[in-house]
C-alpha atoms as a PDB file:
ATOM      1  CA  UNK A   1      -9.355  -6.093  -0.535  1.00  0.00           C
ATOM      2  CA  UNK A   2      -6.968  -8.668   0.910  1.00  0.00           C
ATOM      3  CA  UNK A   3      -4.835  -7.821   3.943  1.00  0.00           C
ATOM      4  CA  UNK A   4      -1.706  -9.984   4.017  1.00  0.00           C
ATOM      5  CA  UNK A   5       0.487 -10.960   6.961  1.00  0.00           C
ATOM      6  CA  UNK A   6       2.694  -8.148   8.298  1.00  0.00           C
ATOM      7  CA  UNK A   7       6.296  -8.210   7.039  1.00  0.00           C
ATOM      8  CA  UNK A   8       9.557  -6.512   8.025  1.00  0.00           C
ATOM      9  CA  UNK A   9      10.479  -3.749   5.630  1.00  0.00           C
ATOM     10  CA  UNK A  10      13.344  -1.352   5.049  1.00  0.00           C
ATOM     11  CA  UNK A  11      13.636   1.886   3.150  1.00  0.00           C
ATOM     12  CA  UNK A  12      16.110   4.736   2.876  1.00  0.00           C
ATOM     13  CA  UNK A  13      14.974   8.332   3.236  1.00  0.00           C
ATOM     14  CA  UNK A  14      16.632  10.163   0.345  1.00  0.00           C
ATOM     15  CA  UNK A  15      17.102  13.546   2.071  1.00  0.00           C
ATOM     16  CA  UNK A  16      18.844  12.220   5.201  1.00  0.00           C
ATOM     17  CA  UNK A  17      20.136   8.890   3.828  1.00  0.00           C
ATOM     18  CA  UNK A  18      18.745   7.255   7.006  1.00  0.00           C
ATOM     19  CA  UNK A  19      17.735   3.602   6.935  1.00  0.00           C
ATOM     20  CA  UNK A  20      14.296   2.916   8.420  1.00  0.00           C
ATOM     21  CA  UNK A  21      13.156  -0.552   9.451  1.00  0.00           C
ATOM     22  CA  UNK A  22       9.524  -1.127  10.282  1.00  0.00           C
ATOM     23  CA  UNK A  23       6.669  -3.567  10.055  1.00  0.00           C
ATOM     24  CA  UNK A  24       4.583  -3.177   6.912  1.00  0.00           C
ATOM     25  CA  UNK A  25       1.136  -4.534   6.165  1.00  0.00           C
ATOM     26  CA  UNK A  26       0.801  -5.453   2.475  1.00  0.00           C
ATOM     27  CA  UNK A  27      -2.703  -5.043   1.078  1.00  0.00           C
ATOM     28  CA  UNK A  28      -4.033  -6.112  -2.316  1.00  0.00           C
ATOM     29  CA  UNK A  29      -6.972  -4.122  -3.599  1.00  0.00           C
ATOM     30  CA  UNK A  30      -8.905  -3.793  -6.848  1.00  0.00           C
ATOM     31  CA  UNK A  31     -10.110  -0.208  -7.322  1.00  0.00           C
ATOM     32  CA  UNK A  32      -9.843   2.875  -9.491  1.00  0.00           C
ATOM     33  CA  UNK A  33      -6.846   5.231  -9.443  1.00  0.00           C
ATOM     34  CA  UNK A  34      -9.060   7.860  -7.813  1.00  0.00           C
ATOM     35  CA  UNK A  35      -9.991   5.443  -5.013  1.00  0.00           C
ATOM     36  CA  UNK A  36      -6.435   4.231  -4.358  1.00  0.00           C
ATOM     37  CA  UNK A  37      -5.263   7.845  -4.064  1.00  0.00           C
ATOM     38  CA  UNK A  38      -7.996   8.489  -1.463  1.00  0.00           C
ATOM     39  CA  UNK A  39      -6.937   5.356   0.434  1.00  0.00           C
ATOM     40  CA  UNK A  40      -3.270   6.392   0.304  1.00  0.00           C
ATOM     41  CA  UNK A  41      -4.059   9.891   1.627  1.00  0.00           C
ATOM     42  CA  UNK A  42      -6.118   8.410   4.469  1.00  0.00           C
ATOM     43  CA  UNK A  43      -3.372   5.878   5.297  1.00  0.00           C
ATOM     44  CA  UNK A  44      -0.542   8.421   5.344  1.00  0.00           C
ATOM     45  CA  UNK A  45      -2.523  10.666   7.711  1.00  0.00           C
ATOM     46  CA  UNK A  46      -4.070   7.959   9.924  1.00  0.00           C
ATOM     47  CA  UNK A  47      -0.780   6.111  10.519  1.00  0.00           C
ATOM     48  CA  UNK A  48       1.451   9.247  10.487  1.00  0.00           C
ATOM     49  CA  UNK A  49       3.550   7.804   7.658  1.00  0.00           C
ATOM     50  CA  UNK A  50       6.331   9.575   5.762  1.00  0.00           C
ATOM     51  CA  UNK A  51       5.309   7.742   2.589  1.00  0.00           C
ATOM     52  CA  UNK A  52       2.814   5.197   1.277  1.00  0.00           C
ATOM     53  CA  UNK A  53       3.495   3.149  -1.853  1.00  0.00           C
ATOM     54  CA  UNK A  54       1.029   1.614  -4.289  1.00  0.00           C
ATOM     55  CA  UNK A  55       1.731  -0.108  -7.580  1.00  0.00           C
ATOM     56  CA  UNK A  56      -0.302  -1.739 -10.303  1.00  0.00           C
ATOM     57  CA  UNK A  57      -0.167  -5.528 -10.414  1.00  0.00           C
ATOM     58  CA  UNK A  58      -2.402  -5.959 -13.447  1.00  0.00           C
ATOM     59  CA  UNK A  59      -4.566  -3.968 -15.824  1.00  0.00           C
ATOM     60  CA  UNK A  60      -7.212  -6.677 -15.726  1.00  0.00           C
ATOM     61  CA  UNK A  61      -8.828  -8.034 -12.596  1.00  0.00           C
ATOM     62  CA  UNK A  62     -11.324 -10.836 -13.031  1.00  0.00           C
ATOM     63  CA  UNK A  63     -13.878 -11.759 -10.376  1.00  0.00           C
ATOM     64  CA  UNK A  64     -16.382 -14.586 -10.611  1.00  0.00           C
ATOM     65  CA  UNK A  65     -19.325 -14.665  -8.210  1.00  0.00           C
ATOM     66  CA  UNK A  66     -21.125 -17.822  -7.199  1.00  0.00           C
ATOM     67  CA  UNK A  67     -24.445 -18.066  -9.031  1.00  0.00           C
END
């Protein structure tokens, strides 16, 4: 999990065609689809969001630990 610096974001709500501008906190995470869905559900409820987006960056994530 890596939490990046907050950024300004914009999105348009399809139903009302309203433009929303807000601060977003990008997060990079390596986990299963099941886990990201749990995180998204928690996030949408905890922060009272209309939507939460997640997308796959890579199919392969490599991690090397210090020996």
